[in-house]
Amino acid sequence: VQVIAERIKALRQARGWTQSELARRMGVTRNGINSWEQGLSMPSLSSLVELSKTFSVTTDYILGLEHLQTINVSGLSERDVAILAEISDRLRMSR
């Protein structure tokens, strides 16, 4: 449960969203988001799927079963995908 809570919070914060903003995007209450992030409750299966779509990650990533975060590149040009790959590589090397 704690891994899920940490992933949801980190994904939300990485986008600069408040709990209220995420709640609005998902059609749930801010208290619901807070409960997930505190590890007090678990997202339902449908909410888990919606979280994965909202954040463009797999459900396995949110559940802590997968360590790789993915980016949905559908609709992007080959050039844009290449730019994203280059940025990702640079960020990994700067750590």
N, C-alpha and C. Protein backbone atom coordinates (compact mmCIF):
# COMPACT_ATOMS: atom_id res chain seq x y z
N VAL A 1 0.83 -1.20 0.00
CA VAL A 1 0.00 0.00 0.00
C VAL A 1 0.87 1.26 0.00
N GLN A 2 1.98 1.24 0.74
CA GLN A 2 2.83 2.42 0.83
C GLN A 2 3.48 2.76 -0.50
N VAL A 3 3.86 1.74 -1.28
CA VAL A 3 4.46 1.99 -2.60
C VAL A 3 3.46 2.70 -3.49
N ILE A 4 2.22 2.25 -3.46
CA ILE A 4 1.17 2.87 -4.28
C ILE A 4 0.98 4.32 -3.87
N ALA A 5 0.91 4.56 -2.57
CA ALA A 5 0.73 5.92 -2.05
C ALA A 5 1.87 6.83 -2.51
N GLU A 6 3.09 6.34 -2.40
CA GLU A 6 4.26 7.14 -2.79
C GLU A 6 4.27 7.41 -4.29
N ARG A 7 3.92 6.41 -5.09
CA ARG A 7 3.92 6.60 -6.55
C ARG A 7 2.87 7.62 -6.97
N ILE A 8 1.67 7.52 -6.42
CA ILE A 8 0.61 8.47 -6.79
C ILE A 8 1.05 9.89 -6.44
N LYS A 9 1.56 10.07 -5.24
CA LYS A 9 1.99 11.40 -4.80
C LYS A 9 3.13 11.92 -5.67
N ALA A 10 4.12 11.08 -5.95
CA ALA A 10 5.26 11.51 -6.77
C ALA A 10 4.82 11.87 -8.18
N LEU A 11 3.95 11.06 -8.77
CA LEU A 11 3.47 11.35 -10.13
C LEU A 11 2.69 12.66 -10.16
N ARG A 12 1.86 12.88 -9.16
CA ARG A 12 1.09 14.13 -9.08
C ARG A 12 2.01 15.34 -8.93
N GLN A 13 2.94 15.23 -7.98
CA GLN A 13 3.84 16.35 -7.73
C GLN A 13 4.76 16.64 -8.91
N ALA A 14 5.16 15.61 -9.63
CA ALA A 14 6.03 15.80 -10.80
C ALA A 14 5.34 16.65 -11.86
N ARG A 15 4.02 16.62 -11.87
CA ARG A 15 3.27 17.42 -12.83
C ARG A 15 2.87 18.78 -12.28
N GLY A 16 3.19 19.01 -11.02
CA GLY A 16 2.87 20.29 -10.39
C GLY A 16 1.39 20.44 -10.08
N TRP A 17 0.69 19.32 -9.93
CA TRP A 17 -0.73 19.35 -9.65
C TRP A 17 -0.99 19.28 -8.15
N THR A 18 -2.03 19.96 -7.71
CA THR A 18 -2.50 19.81 -6.34
C THR A 18 -3.36 18.55 -6.26
N GLN A 19 -3.67 18.14 -5.05
CA GLN A 19 -4.59 17.01 -4.90
C GLN A 19 -5.95 17.35 -5.50
N SER A 20 -6.36 18.60 -5.36
CA SER A 20 -7.64 19.04 -5.93
C SER A 20 -7.62 18.95 -7.45
N GLU A 21 -6.51 19.32 -8.06
CA GLU A 21 -6.39 19.25 -9.52
C GLU A 21 -6.49 17.80 -10.00
N LEU A 22 -5.77 16.90 -9.35
CA LEU A 22 -5.85 15.49 -9.73
C LEU A 22 -7.26 14.96 -9.53
N ALA A 23 -7.88 15.33 -8.42
CA ALA A 23 -9.25 14.89 -8.15
C ALA A 23 -10.20 15.36 -9.24
N ARG A 24 -10.06 16.61 -9.67
CA ARG A 24 -10.90 17.16 -10.73
C ARG A 24 -10.72 16.40 -12.02
N ARG A 25 -9.46 16.12 -12.38
CA ARG A 25 -9.16 15.40 -13.62
C ARG A 25 -9.73 13.99 -13.61
N MET A 26 -9.80 13.39 -12.42
CA MET A 26 -10.27 12.00 -12.31
C MET A 26 -11.74 11.88 -11.93
N GLY A 27 -12.36 12.98 -11.53
CA GLY A 27 -13.76 12.92 -11.14
C GLY A 27 -13.97 12.26 -9.79
N VAL A 28 -12.99 12.46 -8.87
CA VAL A 28 -13.11 11.94 -7.51
C VAL A 28 -12.93 13.11 -6.55
N THR A 29 -13.06 12.85 -5.26
CA THR A 29 -12.89 13.92 -4.27
C THR A 29 -11.42 14.11 -3.92
N ARG A 30 -11.10 15.31 -3.44
CA ARG A 30 -9.75 15.57 -2.98
C ARG A 30 -9.44 14.69 -1.78
N ASN A 31 -10.43 14.44 -0.94
CA ASN A 31 -10.22 13.57 0.22
C ASN A 31 -9.86 12.15 -0.23
N GLY A 32 -10.43 11.71 -1.33
CA GLY A 32 -10.09 10.39 -1.88
C GLY A 32 -8.63 10.34 -2.29
N ILE A 33 -8.18 11.37 -2.99
CA ILE A 33 -6.77 11.44 -3.41
C ILE A 33 -5.88 11.46 -2.18
N ASN A 34 -6.24 12.26 -1.18
CA ASN A 34 -5.45 12.35 0.04
C ASN A 34 -5.36 10.99 0.74
N SER A 35 -6.47 10.27 0.79
CA SER A 35 -6.47 8.94 1.42
C SER A 35 -5.55 7.98 0.70
N TRP A 36 -5.53 8.05 -0.64
CA TRP A 36 -4.62 7.18 -1.40
C TRP A 36 -3.18 7.54 -1.09
N GLU A 37 -2.88 8.84 -1.10
CA GLU A 37 -1.50 9.29 -0.88
C GLU A 37 -1.01 9.04 0.54
N GLN A 38 -1.92 8.99 1.49
CA GLN A 38 -1.55 8.70 2.87
C GLN A 38 -1.50 7.20 3.14
N GLY A 39 -1.92 6.39 2.17
CA GLY A 39 -1.94 4.95 2.35
C GLY A 39 -3.09 4.48 3.22
N LEU A 40 -4.10 5.33 3.39
CA LEU A 40 -5.24 4.98 4.22
C LEU A 40 -6.26 4.14 3.46
N SER A 41 -6.28 4.29 2.14
CA SER A 41 -7.16 3.48 1.30
C SER A 41 -6.46 3.21 -0.03
N MET A 42 -7.01 2.24 -0.74
CA MET A 42 -6.45 1.86 -2.05
C MET A 42 -7.41 2.32 -3.14
N PRO A 43 -6.86 2.76 -4.27
CA PRO A 43 -7.74 3.08 -5.39
C PRO A 43 -8.47 1.82 -5.86
N SER A 44 -9.72 1.99 -6.28
CA SER A 44 -10.45 0.87 -6.86
C SER A 44 -9.78 0.48 -8.17
N LEU A 45 -10.17 -0.64 -8.71
CA LEU A 45 -9.60 -1.09 -9.98
C LEU A 45 -9.84 -0.05 -11.07
N SER A 46 -11.05 0.49 -11.14
CA SER A 46 -11.33 1.50 -12.17
C SER A 46 -10.52 2.78 -11.93
N SER A 47 -10.33 3.16 -10.67
CA SER A 47 -9.52 4.34 -10.37
C SER A 47 -8.05 4.09 -10.69
N LEU A 48 -7.58 2.88 -10.47
CA LEU A 48 -6.21 2.53 -10.80
C LEU A 48 -5.97 2.66 -12.31
N VAL A 49 -6.91 2.18 -13.08
CA VAL A 49 -6.82 2.30 -14.54
C VAL A 49 -6.85 3.77 -14.95
N GLU A 50 -7.73 4.55 -14.33
CA GLU A 50 -7.82 5.98 -14.64
C GLU A 50 -6.53 6.71 -14.25
N LEU A 51 -5.94 6.34 -13.11
CA LEU A 51 -4.65 6.93 -12.71
C LEU A 51 -3.58 6.64 -13.76
N SER A 52 -3.54 5.41 -14.24
CA SER A 52 -2.52 5.05 -15.23
C SER A 52 -2.70 5.84 -16.51
N LYS A 53 -3.95 6.07 -16.92
CA LYS A 53 -4.21 6.87 -18.12
C LYS A 53 -3.85 8.33 -17.87
N THR A 54 -4.24 8.85 -16.72
CA THR A 54 -3.98 10.25 -16.39
C THR A 54 -2.48 10.55 -16.37
N PHE A 55 -1.70 9.62 -15.82
CA PHE A 55 -0.26 9.83 -15.69
C PHE A 55 0.56 9.21 -16.82
N SER A 56 -0.11 8.51 -17.76
CA SER A 56 0.58 7.83 -18.87
C SER A 56 1.65 6.86 -18.37
N VAL A 57 1.28 6.08 -17.37
CA VAL A 57 2.14 5.01 -16.85
C VAL A 57 1.32 3.73 -16.81
N THR A 58 1.98 2.61 -16.59
CA THR A 58 1.25 1.35 -16.49
C THR A 58 0.67 1.18 -15.09
N THR A 59 -0.36 0.36 -15.00
CA THR A 59 -0.90 0.04 -13.68
C THR A 59 0.16 -0.69 -12.86
N ASP A 60 0.98 -1.51 -13.50
CA ASP A 60 2.06 -2.19 -12.80
C ASP A 60 3.02 -1.20 -12.14
N TYR A 61 3.28 -0.09 -12.82
CA TYR A 61 4.17 0.93 -12.23
C TYR A 61 3.55 1.50 -10.96
N ILE A 62 2.27 1.86 -11.02
CA ILE A 62 1.60 2.42 -9.84
C ILE A 62 1.58 1.40 -8.70
N LEU A 63 1.39 0.13 -9.04
CA LEU A 63 1.32 -0.92 -8.02
C LEU A 63 2.70 -1.30 -7.47
N GLY A 64 3.75 -0.77 -8.08
CA GLY A 64 5.10 -1.08 -7.61
C GLY A 64 5.63 -2.39 -8.14
N LEU A 65 4.98 -2.95 -9.16
CA LEU A 65 5.43 -4.22 -9.74
C LEU A 65 6.45 -4.00 -10.85
N GLU A 66 6.53 -2.79 -11.32
CA GLU A 66 7.41 -2.44 -12.42
C GLU A 66 8.16 -1.18 -12.02
N HIS A 67 9.44 -1.15 -12.29
CA HIS A 67 10.25 0.01 -11.89
C HIS A 67 10.40 1.04 -12.99
N LEU A 68 10.07 0.64 -14.20
CA LEU A 68 10.21 1.56 -15.31
C LEU A 68 8.95 2.38 -15.50
N GLN A 69 9.12 3.66 -15.63
CA GLN A 69 7.99 4.53 -15.93
C GLN A 69 7.97 4.72 -17.43
N THR A 70 6.81 4.63 -18.05
CA THR A 70 6.72 4.79 -19.50
C THR A 70 6.06 6.11 -19.84
N ILE A 71 6.31 6.56 -21.04
CA ILE A 71 5.69 7.78 -21.54
C ILE A 71 4.91 7.41 -22.78
N ASN A 72 3.68 7.83 -22.85
CA ASN A 72 2.85 7.58 -24.01
C ASN A 72 3.28 8.53 -25.13
N VAL A 73 3.80 7.98 -26.20
CA VAL A 73 4.30 8.80 -27.30
C VAL A 73 3.39 8.73 -28.53
N SER A 74 2.22 8.11 -28.37
CA SER A 74 1.31 8.03 -29.52
C SER A 74 0.93 9.44 -29.95
N GLY A 75 0.91 9.64 -31.24
CA GLY A 75 0.57 10.94 -31.79
C GLY A 75 1.75 11.88 -31.94
N LEU A 76 2.92 11.47 -31.45
CA LEU A 76 4.11 12.31 -31.60
C LEU A 76 4.88 11.90 -32.86
N SER A 77 5.57 12.85 -33.42
CA SER A 77 6.40 12.54 -34.60
C SER A 77 7.65 11.77 -34.17
N GLU A 78 8.28 11.14 -35.13
CA GLU A 78 9.53 10.43 -34.85
C GLU A 78 10.57 11.37 -34.26
N ARG A 79 10.61 12.58 -34.76
CA ARG A 79 11.56 13.59 -34.27
C ARG A 79 11.29 13.90 -32.80
N ASP A 80 10.01 14.10 -32.45
CA ASP A 80 9.67 14.40 -31.06
C ASP A 80 10.02 13.23 -30.13
N VAL A 81 9.78 12.01 -30.59
CA VAL A 81 10.13 10.83 -29.79
C VAL A 81 11.64 10.79 -29.57
N ALA A 82 12.41 11.10 -30.61
CA ALA A 82 13.87 11.11 -30.50
C ALA A 82 14.33 12.19 -29.50
N ILE A 83 13.67 13.34 -29.51
CA ILE A 83 14.01 14.41 -28.58
C ILE A 83 13.73 13.97 -27.14
N LEU A 84 12.59 13.32 -26.92
CA LEU A 84 12.26 12.82 -25.58
C LEU A 84 13.28 11.78 -25.11
N ALA A 85 13.70 10.91 -26.01
CA ALA A 85 14.70 9.89 -25.66
C ALA A 85 16.02 10.55 -25.29
N GLU A 86 16.40 11.58 -26.03
CA GLU A 86 17.66 12.28 -25.73
C GLU A 86 17.58 12.98 -24.37
N ILE A 87 16.47 13.64 -24.09
CA ILE A 87 16.30 14.29 -22.80
C ILE A 87 16.36 13.27 -21.67
N SER A 88 15.71 12.14 -21.85
CA SER A 88 15.72 11.08 -20.85
C SER A 88 17.14 10.59 -20.58
N ASP A 89 17.90 10.37 -21.64
CA ASP A 89 19.29 9.93 -21.49
C ASP A 89 20.12 10.97 -20.74
N ARG A 90 19.95 12.24 -21.08
CA ARG A 90 20.71 13.30 -20.41
C ARG A 90 20.36 13.38 -18.93
N LEU A 91 19.09 13.23 -18.60
CA LEU A 91 18.69 13.26 -17.20
C LEU A 91 19.28 12.10 -16.41
N ARG A 92 19.35 10.92 -17.03
CA ARG A 92 19.93 9.76 -16.35
C ARG A 92 21.42 9.98 -16.09
N MET A 93 22.12 10.59 -17.04
CA MET A 93 23.56 10.79 -16.90
C MET A 93 23.88 11.89 -15.90
N SER A 94 22.95 12.81 -15.66
CA SER A 94 23.24 13.93 -14.76
C SER A 94 23.06 13.56 -13.29
N ARG A 95 22.62 12.36 -13.01
CA ARG A 95 22.40 11.96 -11.61
C ARG A 95 23.66 11.58 -10.92
